Amino acid sequence: MLRENPGKNDFLLPSASQRDFTVNRDPSFGILFRNSLFALVVGVALVLFCYLFVDRPVAFFMHDQGFADYPFLKWLTYPPPIAQSWSPFVLAMLVVRRVFGLFRRWELTLFAASVAIVLSDQFRESISFLFGRYWPETWIDNNPSLIGTGAYGFHPFHSGSAYGSFPSGHTTRTLAAAAVVWIAYPHWRAACILASAAVVTGLIGMDYHFVGDIIAGGILGSIVGTYTSKFCGLMEDKATPADSYGSDA
């Protein structure tokens, strides 16, 4: 209750909820935030370098070599959109599954990966609008592109399929899921690297994206996947028995 005549220092004292907020602050989130900022700074530098010196030569080289004629490169790009299409169904099934008991670790990992895929692609879509980058090649509705029309650059706050090259959605979704698995199951990290490398190989070989797009998508997806893992408790629960995730208390 408020005093009838509060003193001048009363409003400077923290409330109980404020004290709890301060006491319960998790330092690991501060570390994760700083690491994320560092990754973003490095990413910006790499994207700028690629924009000036790498993106155009690589795009022209892939086009001139005709790598897009190899079907297996296109096949490598199929998994990310398929995984996203199935993510809502997987999440719905896991919601039902949770009614009957606690998640096992692999189920919690699947939940986190599905959330990360959907969430990261929404981030990608918003960022795509902010930057509005043309594609390396003309693919849909005569879109402007470096190879097709000589168009190259960023056009901030432009929407539409013509401006969706940056960042790479395929890479964003792939690294979001890979980051979750990387954290939850360290012994699967080699598989995460191979899967991510396969998608990137397909994207560059098909000239679907510039190298800078892929770097940006990889950093974005990794950050979203890492935070999703953190909020789902996968970082803290590495030593927890497989059948004890979640609480019915």
C-alpha atoms as a PDB file:
ATOM      1  CA  MET A   1       0.000   0.000   0.000  1.00  0.00           C
ATOM      2  CA  LEU A   2       1.118   3.581  -0.664  1.00  0.00           C
ATOM      3  CA  ARG A   3       1.807   5.806   2.268  1.00  0.00           C
ATOM      4  CA  GLU A   4      -0.452   8.765   2.769  1.00  0.00           C
ATOM      5  CA  ASN A   5       2.586  11.079   2.804  1.00  0.00           C
ATOM      6  CA  PRO A   6       5.406   9.294   0.999  1.00  0.00           C
ATOM      7  CA  GLY A   7       8.930  10.453   1.706  1.00  0.00           C
ATOM      8  CA  LYS A   8      11.135  11.915  -0.984  1.00  0.00           C
ATOM      9  CA  ASN A   9      13.178   8.701  -1.297  1.00  0.00           C
ATOM     10  CA  ASP A  10      10.290   6.234  -1.327  1.00  0.00           C
ATOM     11  CA  PHE A  11      10.009   6.195  -5.105  1.00  0.00           C
ATOM     12  CA  LEU A  12      13.742   5.412  -5.441  1.00  0.00           C
ATOM     13  CA  LEU A  13      13.465   2.117  -3.570  1.00  0.00           C
ATOM     14  CA  PRO A  14      13.053  -0.964  -5.815  1.00  0.00           C
ATOM     15  CA  SER A  15       9.824  -2.864  -5.530  1.00  0.00           C
ATOM     16  CA  ALA A  16       9.780  -6.572  -4.743  1.00  0.00           C
ATOM     17  CA  SER A  17       9.282  -7.446  -8.409  1.00  0.00           C
ATOM     18  CA  GLN A  18      12.189  -5.214  -9.397  1.00  0.00           C
ATOM     19  CA  ARG A  19      14.440  -6.835  -6.802  1.00  0.00           C
ATOM     20  CA  ASP A  20      13.475 -10.302  -8.051  1.00  0.00           C
ATOM     21  CA  PHE A  21      14.215  -9.214 -11.621  1.00  0.00           C
ATOM     22  CA  THR A  22      17.698  -8.067 -10.616  1.00  0.00           C
ATOM     23  CA  VAL A  23      18.477 -11.080  -8.456  1.00  0.00           C
ATOM     24  CA  ASN A  24      17.284 -13.567 -11.097  1.00  0.00           C
ATOM     25  CA  ARG A  25      19.238 -12.000 -13.939  1.00  0.00           C
ATOM     26  CA  ASP A  26      21.126 -14.722 -15.827  1.00  0.00           C
ATOM     27  CA  PRO A  27      24.687 -13.627 -16.728  1.00  0.00           C
ATOM     28  CA  SER A  28      24.783 -16.183 -19.537  1.00  0.00           C
ATOM     29  CA  PHE A  29      22.292 -14.093 -21.504  1.00  0.00           C
ATOM     30  CA  GLY A  30      24.670 -11.150 -21.320  1.00  0.00           C
ATOM     31  CA  ILE A  31      27.473 -13.308 -22.672  1.00  0.00           C
ATOM     32  CA  LEU A  32      25.237 -14.610 -25.443  1.00  0.00           C
ATOM     33  CA  PHE A  33      24.156 -11.087 -26.321  1.00  0.00           C
ATOM     34  CA  ARG A  34      27.740  -9.851 -26.543  1.00  0.00           C
ATOM     35  CA  ASN A  35      28.712 -12.829 -28.675  1.00  0.00           C
ATOM     36  CA  SER A  36      25.761 -12.120 -30.953  1.00  0.00           C
ATOM     37  CA  LEU A  37      26.793  -8.492 -31.346  1.00  0.00           C
ATOM     38  CA  PHE A  38      30.324  -9.581 -32.190  1.00  0.00           C
ATOM     39  CA  ALA A  39      29.000 -12.024 -34.798  1.00  0.00           C
ATOM     40  CA  LEU A  40      26.863  -9.270 -36.322  1.00  0.00           C
ATOM     41  CA  VAL A  41      29.807  -6.869 -36.529  1.00  0.00           C
ATOM     42  CA  VAL A  42      31.974  -9.521 -38.176  1.00  0.00           C
ATOM     43  CA  GLY A  43      29.097 -10.388 -40.483  1.00  0.00           C
ATOM     44  CA  VAL A  44      28.643  -6.788 -41.596  1.00  0.00           C
ATOM     45  CA  ALA A  45      32.346  -6.548 -42.399  1.00  0.00           C
ATOM     46  CA  LEU A  46      32.302  -9.799 -44.368  1.00  0.00           C
ATOM     47  CA  VAL A  47      29.160  -8.859 -46.292  1.00  0.00           C
ATOM     48  CA  LEU A  48      30.640  -5.488 -47.221  1.00  0.00           C
ATOM     49  CA  PHE A  49      33.869  -7.138 -48.371  1.00  0.00           C
ATOM     50  CA  CYS A  50      31.920  -9.663 -50.453  1.00  0.00           C
ATOM     51  CA  TYR A  51      29.746  -6.938 -51.956  1.00  0.00           C
ATOM     52  CA  LEU A  52      32.805  -5.026 -53.146  1.00  0.00           C
ATOM     53  CA  PHE A  53      35.157  -7.840 -54.158  1.00  0.00           C
ATOM     54  CA  VAL A  54      33.575 -11.313 -54.144  1.00  0.00           C
ATOM     55  CA  ASP A  55      29.884 -11.420 -55.060  1.00  0.00           C
ATOM     56  CA  ARG A  56      30.070 -10.347 -58.687  1.00  0.00           C
ATOM     57  CA  PRO A  57      33.116 -12.431 -59.714  1.00  0.00           C
ATOM     58  CA  VAL A  58      31.674 -15.578 -58.119  1.00  0.00           C
ATOM     59  CA  ALA A  59      28.238 -15.054 -59.685  1.00  0.00           C
ATOM     60  CA  PHE A  60      29.724 -14.547 -63.153  1.00  0.00           C
ATOM     61  CA  PHE A  61      32.026 -17.545 -62.737  1.00  0.00           C
ATOM     62  CA  MET A  62      29.193 -19.880 -61.736  1.00  0.00           C
ATOM     63  CA  HIS A  63      27.103 -18.664 -64.649  1.00  0.00           C
ATOM     64  CA  ASP A  64      29.910 -18.995 -67.186  1.00  0.00           C
ATOM     65  CA  GLN A  65      30.774 -22.512 -66.027  1.00  0.00           C
ATOM     66  CA  GLY A  66      27.154 -23.635 -66.380  1.00  0.00           C
ATOM     67  CA  PHE A  67      26.944 -25.277 -62.974  1.00  0.00           C
ATOM     68  CA  ALA A  68      23.178 -24.676 -62.929  1.00  0.00           C
ATOM     69  CA  ASP A  69      22.859 -27.454 -65.519  1.00  0.00           C
ATOM     70  CA  TYR A  70      23.823 -30.066 -62.916  1.00  0.00           C
ATOM     71  CA  PRO A  71      20.596 -31.376 -61.317  1.00  0.00           C
ATOM     72  CA  PHE A  72      22.274 -32.573 -58.115  1.00  0.00           C
ATOM     73  CA  LEU A  73      23.159 -28.989 -57.193  1.00  0.00           C
ATOM     74  CA  LYS A  74      19.499 -28.044 -57.372  1.00  0.00           C
ATOM     75  CA  TRP A  75      18.552 -31.068 -55.289  1.00  0.00           C
ATOM     76  CA  LEU A  76      20.848 -29.830 -52.520  1.00  0.00           C
ATOM     77  CA  THR A  77      18.657 -26.738 -52.143  1.00  0.00           C
ATOM     78  CA  TYR A  78      15.396 -28.653 -51.597  1.00  0.00           C
ATOM     79  CA  PRO A  79      15.583 -29.594 -47.859  1.00  0.00           C
ATOM     80  CA  PRO A  80      15.242 -26.121 -46.217  1.00  0.00           C
ATOM     81  CA  PRO A  81      11.834 -25.172 -47.689  1.00  0.00           C
ATOM     82  CA  ILE A  82      10.576 -28.724 -47.170  1.00  0.00           C
ATOM     83  CA  ALA A  83      11.628 -28.582 -43.513  1.00  0.00           C
ATOM     84  CA  GLN A  84       9.843 -25.267 -43.070  1.00  0.00           C
ATOM     85  CA  SER A  85       6.671 -26.617 -44.670  1.00  0.00           C
ATOM     86  CA  TRP A  86       6.609 -29.483 -42.191  1.00  0.00           C
ATOM     87  CA  SER A  87       7.542 -27.415 -39.130  1.00  0.00           C
ATOM     88  CA  PRO A  88       3.979 -26.324 -38.203  1.00  0.00           C
ATOM     89  CA  PHE A  89       2.794 -29.943 -38.408  1.00  0.00           C
ATOM     90  CA  VAL A  90       5.707 -31.102 -36.263  1.00  0.00           C
ATOM     91  CA  LEU A  91       4.979 -28.405 -33.680  1.00  0.00           C
ATOM     92  CA  ALA A  92       1.307 -29.370 -33.581  1.00  0.00           C
ATOM     93  CA  MET A  93       2.203 -33.024 -33.026  1.00  0.00           C
ATOM     94  CA  LEU A  94       4.623 -32.097 -30.256  1.00  0.00           C
ATOM     95  CA  VAL A  95       1.937 -30.020 -28.537  1.00  0.00           C
ATOM     96  CA  VAL A  96      -0.267 -33.120 -28.475  1.00  0.00           C
ATOM     97  CA  ARG A  97       2.650 -35.290 -27.408  1.00  0.00           C
ATOM     98  CA  ARG A  98       3.381 -33.010 -24.435  1.00  0.00           C
ATOM     99  CA  VAL A  99      -0.066 -33.756 -22.999  1.00  0.00           C
ATOM    100  CA  PHE A 100       1.053 -37.317 -22.311  1.00  0.00           C
ATOM    101  CA  GLY A 101       4.332 -36.585 -20.593  1.00  0.00           C
ATOM    102  CA  LEU A 102       7.599 -34.736 -20.510  1.00  0.00           C
ATOM    103  CA  PHE A 103       9.657 -34.291 -23.642  1.00  0.00           C
ATOM    104  CA  ARG A 104      12.659 -36.495 -24.212  1.00  0.00           C
ATOM    105  CA  ARG A 105      15.760 -34.596 -25.269  1.00  0.00           C
ATOM    106  CA  TRP A 106      15.347 -35.422 -28.950  1.00  0.00           C
ATOM    107  CA  GLU A 107      11.738 -34.209 -28.828  1.00  0.00           C
ATOM    108  CA  LEU A 108      12.736 -30.942 -27.190  1.00  0.00           C
ATOM    109  CA  THR A 109      15.452 -30.564 -29.836  1.00  0.00           C
ATOM    110  CA  LEU A 110      12.919 -31.172 -32.594  1.00  0.00           C
ATOM    111  CA  PHE A 111      10.610 -28.602 -31.016  1.00  0.00           C
ATOM    112  CA  ALA A 112      13.389 -26.012 -30.779  1.00  0.00           C
ATOM    113  CA  ALA A 113      14.577 -26.678 -34.333  1.00  0.00           C
ATOM    114  CA  SER A 114      11.057 -26.290 -35.731  1.00  0.00           C
ATOM    115  CA  VAL A 115      10.533 -23.026 -33.874  1.00  0.00           C
ATOM    116  CA  ALA A 116      13.939 -21.771 -35.006  1.00  0.00           C
ATOM    117  CA  ILE A 117      13.207 -22.562 -38.662  1.00  0.00           C
ATOM    118  CA  VAL A 118       9.898 -20.693 -38.684  1.00  0.00           C
ATOM    119  CA  LEU A 119      11.155 -17.777 -36.596  1.00  0.00           C
ATOM    120  CA  SER A 120      14.395 -17.325 -38.517  1.00  0.00           C
ATOM    121  CA  ASP A 121      12.588 -17.173 -41.842  1.00  0.00           C
ATOM    122  CA  GLN A 122      10.328 -14.431 -40.503  1.00  0.00           C
ATOM    123  CA  PHE A 123      13.414 -12.486 -39.448  1.00  0.00           C
ATOM    124  CA  ARG A 124      14.841 -13.087 -42.914  1.00  0.00           C
ATOM    125  CA  GLU A 125      11.712 -11.759 -44.580  1.00  0.00           C
ATOM    126  CA  SER A 126      11.753  -8.565 -42.501  1.00  0.00           C
ATOM    127  CA  ILE A 127      15.456  -8.000 -43.123  1.00  0.00           C
ATOM    128  CA  SER A 128      14.939  -8.631 -46.821  1.00  0.00           C
ATOM    129  CA  PHE A 129      12.528  -5.698 -46.910  1.00  0.00           C
ATOM    130  CA  LEU A 130      15.043  -3.490 -45.104  1.00  0.00           C
ATOM    131  CA  PHE A 131      17.827  -4.175 -47.612  1.00  0.00           C
ATOM    132  CA  GLY A 132      16.025  -4.994 -50.867  1.00  0.00           C
ATOM    133  CA  ARG A 133      18.821  -6.662 -52.807  1.00  0.00           C
ATOM    134  CA  TYR A 134      18.608  -7.810 -56.430  1.00  0.00           C
ATOM    135  CA  TRP A 135      19.345 -11.462 -57.295  1.00  0.00           C
ATOM    136  CA  PRO A 136      22.388 -12.857 -59.125  1.00  0.00           C
ATOM    137  CA  GLU A 137      20.216 -14.294 -61.918  1.00  0.00           C
ATOM    138  CA  THR A 138      16.767 -13.741 -63.379  1.00  0.00           C
ATOM    139  CA  TRP A 139      14.477 -16.517 -62.179  1.00  0.00           C
ATOM    140  CA  ILE A 140      10.918 -15.268 -61.680  1.00  0.00           C
ATOM    141  CA  ASP A 141       8.811 -12.752 -63.632  1.00  0.00           C
ATOM    142  CA  ASN A 142      11.850 -11.241 -65.364  1.00  0.00           C
ATOM    143  CA  ASN A 143      13.220  -9.996 -62.052  1.00  0.00           C
ATOM    144  CA  PRO A 144      16.163  -7.566 -62.265  1.00  0.00           C
ATOM    145  CA  SER A 145      19.460  -9.338 -61.677  1.00  0.00           C
ATOM    146  CA  LEU A 146      23.202  -9.051 -62.137  1.00  0.00           C
ATOM    147  CA  ILE A 147      23.408 -11.665 -64.891  1.00  0.00           C
ATOM    148  CA  GLY A 148      20.095 -10.983 -66.584  1.00  0.00           C
ATOM    149  CA  THR A 149      19.878  -7.202 -66.626  1.00  0.00           C
ATOM    150  CA  GLY A 150      23.112  -5.921 -65.084  1.00  0.00           C
ATOM    151  CA  ALA A 151      21.288  -4.734 -61.947  1.00  0.00           C
ATOM    152  CA  TYR A 152      23.381  -4.953 -58.804  1.00  0.00           C
ATOM    153  CA  GLY A 153      22.927  -3.422 -55.407  1.00  0.00           C
ATOM    154  CA  PHE A 154      20.707  -2.819 -52.405  1.00  0.00           C
ATOM    155  CA  HIS A 155      17.438  -0.899 -52.518  1.00  0.00           C
ATOM    156  CA  PRO A 156      16.263  -0.407 -48.915  1.00  0.00           C
ATOM    157  CA  PHE A 157      12.577  -0.635 -48.025  1.00  0.00           C
ATOM    158  CA  HIS A 158      11.516  -2.310 -51.257  1.00  0.00           C
ATOM    159  CA  SER A 159       9.275  -5.355 -51.158  1.00  0.00           C
ATOM    160  CA  GLY A 160       8.528  -7.997 -53.735  1.00  0.00           C
ATOM    161  CA  SER A 161      10.242 -11.053 -55.175  1.00  0.00           C
ATOM    162  CA  ALA A 162      12.750  -8.921 -57.098  1.00  0.00           C
ATOM    163  CA  TYR A 163      14.323  -7.663 -53.853  1.00  0.00           C
ATOM    164  CA  GLY A 164      14.587 -10.857 -51.827  1.00  0.00           C
ATOM    165  CA  SER A 165      18.162 -11.997 -52.348  1.00  0.00           C
ATOM    166  CA  PHE A 166      19.553 -10.768 -49.017  1.00  0.00           C
ATOM    167  CA  PRO A 167      19.867 -12.603 -46.725  1.00  0.00           C
ATOM    168  CA  SER A 168      19.613 -16.156 -48.041  1.00  0.00           C
ATOM    169  CA  GLY A 169      16.481 -17.812 -46.704  1.00  0.00           C
ATOM    170  CA  HIS A 170      17.775 -21.318 -47.412  1.00  0.00           C
ATOM    171  CA  THR A 171      20.938 -20.658 -45.425  1.00  0.00           C
ATOM    172  CA  THR A 172      19.039 -18.933 -42.630  1.00  0.00           C
ATOM    173  CA  ARG A 173      16.720 -21.895 -42.096  1.00  0.00           C
ATOM    174  CA  THR A 174      19.501 -24.440 -42.432  1.00  0.00           C
ATOM    175  CA  LEU A 175      21.784 -22.780 -39.889  1.00  0.00           C
ATOM    176  CA  ALA A 176      18.886 -22.149 -37.496  1.00  0.00           C
ATOM    177  CA  ALA A 177      18.146 -25.864 -37.303  1.00  0.00           C
ATOM    178  CA  ALA A 178      21.826 -26.804 -37.365  1.00  0.00           C
ATOM    179  CA  ALA A 179      22.577 -24.467 -34.449  1.00  0.00           C
ATOM    180  CA  VAL A 180      19.949 -26.207 -32.322  1.00  0.00           C
ATOM    181  CA  VAL A 181      21.309 -29.668 -33.110  1.00  0.00           C
ATOM    182  CA  TRP A 182      24.883 -28.415 -32.658  1.00  0.00           C
ATOM    183  CA  ILE A 183      24.055 -27.333 -29.109  1.00  0.00           C
ATOM    184  CA  ALA A 184      21.813 -30.245 -28.152  1.00  0.00           C
ATOM    185  CA  TYR A 185      23.975 -33.039 -29.574  1.00  0.00           C
ATOM    186  CA  PRO A 186      27.669 -32.097 -29.816  1.00  0.00           C
ATOM    187  CA  HIS A 187      28.547 -35.481 -31.348  1.00  0.00           C
ATOM    188  CA  TRP A 188      26.386 -34.571 -34.368  1.00  0.00           C
ATOM    189  CA  ARG A 189      28.333 -31.412 -35.165  1.00  0.00           C
ATOM    190  CA  ALA A 190      30.097 -32.996 -38.139  1.00  0.00           C
ATOM    191  CA  ALA A 191      26.691 -33.804 -39.614  1.00  0.00           C
ATOM    192  CA  CYS A 192      25.587 -30.202 -39.039  1.00  0.00           C
ATOM    193  CA  ILE A 193      28.629 -28.945 -40.932  1.00  0.00           C
ATOM    194  CA  LEU A 194      28.098 -31.359 -43.814  1.00  0.00           C
ATOM    195  CA  ALA A 195      24.395 -30.537 -44.129  1.00  0.00           C
ATOM    196  CA  SER A 196      25.049 -26.801 -44.058  1.00  0.00           C
ATOM    197  CA  ALA A 197      27.902 -27.095 -46.555  1.00  0.00           C
ATOM    198  CA  ALA A 198      25.697 -29.107 -48.907  1.00  0.00           C
ATOM    199  CA  VAL A 199      22.999 -26.431 -48.958  1.00  0.00           C
ATOM    200  CA  VAL A 200      25.550 -23.648 -49.442  1.00  0.00           C
ATOM    201  CA  THR A 201      27.192 -25.578 -52.286  1.00  0.00           C
ATOM    202  CA  GLY A 202      23.856 -25.904 -54.032  1.00  0.00           C
ATOM    203  CA  LEU A 203      23.000 -22.233 -53.599  1.00  0.00           C
ATOM    204  CA  ILE A 204      26.318 -20.963 -54.933  1.00  0.00           C
ATOM    205  CA  GLY A 205      26.509 -23.558 -57.694  1.00  0.00           C
ATOM    206  CA  MET A 206      23.014 -22.730 -58.930  1.00  0.00           C
ATOM    207  CA  ASP A 207      23.753 -18.998 -58.671  1.00  0.00           C
ATOM    208  CA  TYR A 208      20.704 -18.616 -56.446  1.00  0.00           C
ATOM    209  CA  HIS A 209      22.487 -16.263 -54.050  1.00  0.00           C
ATOM    210  CA  PHE A 210      25.540 -14.081 -53.705  1.00  0.00           C
ATOM    211  CA  VAL A 211      28.210 -15.167 -51.230  1.00  0.00           C
ATOM    212  CA  GLY A 212      27.342 -12.194 -49.013  1.00  0.00           C
ATOM    213  CA  ASP A 213      23.705 -13.307 -48.897  1.00  0.00           C
ATOM    214  CA  ILE A 214      24.786 -16.707 -47.633  1.00  0.00           C
ATOM    215  CA  ILE A 215      27.085 -15.272 -44.971  1.00  0.00           C
ATOM    216  CA  ALA A 216      24.302 -13.010 -43.702  1.00  0.00           C
ATOM    217  CA  GLY A 217      21.800 -15.860 -43.695  1.00  0.00           C
ATOM    218  CA  GLY A 218      24.203 -18.122 -41.853  1.00  0.00           C
ATOM    219  CA  ILE A 219      24.835 -15.589 -39.102  1.00  0.00           C
ATOM    220  CA  LEU A 220      21.142 -14.757 -38.766  1.00  0.00           C
ATOM    221  CA  GLY A 221      20.118 -18.407 -38.605  1.00  0.00           C
ATOM    222  CA  SER A 222      22.857 -19.267 -36.125  1.00  0.00           C
ATOM    223  CA  ILE A 223      21.827 -16.464 -33.780  1.00  0.00           C
ATOM    224  CA  VAL A 224      18.139 -17.391 -33.906  1.00  0.00           C
ATOM    225  CA  GLY A 225      18.910 -21.080 -33.424  1.00  0.00           C
ATOM    226  CA  THR A 226      21.214 -20.375 -30.502  1.00  0.00           C
ATOM    227  CA  TYR A 227      18.698 -18.170 -28.715  1.00  0.00           C
ATOM    228  CA  THR A 228      15.935 -20.701 -29.331  1.00  0.00           C
ATOM    229  CA  SER A 229      18.117 -23.400 -27.796  1.00  0.00           C
ATOM    230  CA  LYS A 230      18.811 -21.141 -24.839  1.00  0.00           C
ATOM    231  CA  PHE A 231      15.155 -20.376 -24.178  1.00  0.00           C
ATOM    232  CA  CYS A 232      14.256 -24.058 -24.532  1.00  0.00           C
ATOM    233  CA  GLY A 233      16.876 -24.980 -21.937  1.00  0.00           C
ATOM    234  CA  LEU A 234      19.035 -27.081 -24.245  1.00  0.00           C
ATOM    235  CA  MET A 235      22.218 -25.289 -23.189  1.00  0.00           C
ATOM    236  CA  GLU A 236      21.721 -25.919 -19.476  1.00  0.00           C
ATOM    237  CA  ASP A 237      20.278 -29.428 -19.695  1.00  0.00           C
ATOM    238  CA  LYS A 238      23.089 -31.314 -21.405  1.00  0.00           C
ATOM    239  CA  ALA A 239      23.527 -33.591 -18.396  1.00  0.00           C
ATOM    240  CA  THR A 240      19.823 -34.000 -17.656  1.00  0.00           C
ATOM    241  CA  PRO A 241      18.273 -37.463 -18.162  1.00  0.00           C
ATOM    242  CA  ALA A 242      16.504 -37.821 -21.483  1.00  0.00           C
ATOM    243  CA  ASP A 243      12.995 -38.148 -20.049  1.00  0.00           C
ATOM    244  CA  SER A 244      12.982 -35.160 -17.704  1.00  0.00           C
ATOM    245  CA  TYR A 245      12.553 -32.070 -19.893  1.00  0.00           C
ATOM    246  CA  GLY A 246       9.793 -29.737 -18.843  1.00  0.00           C
ATOM    247  CA  SER A 247       7.860 -29.585 -15.613  1.00  0.00           C
ATOM    248  CA  ASP A 248       4.320 -30.519 -14.715  1.00  0.00           C
ATOM    249  CA  ALA A 249       4.555 -28.674 -11.401  1.00  0.00           C
END
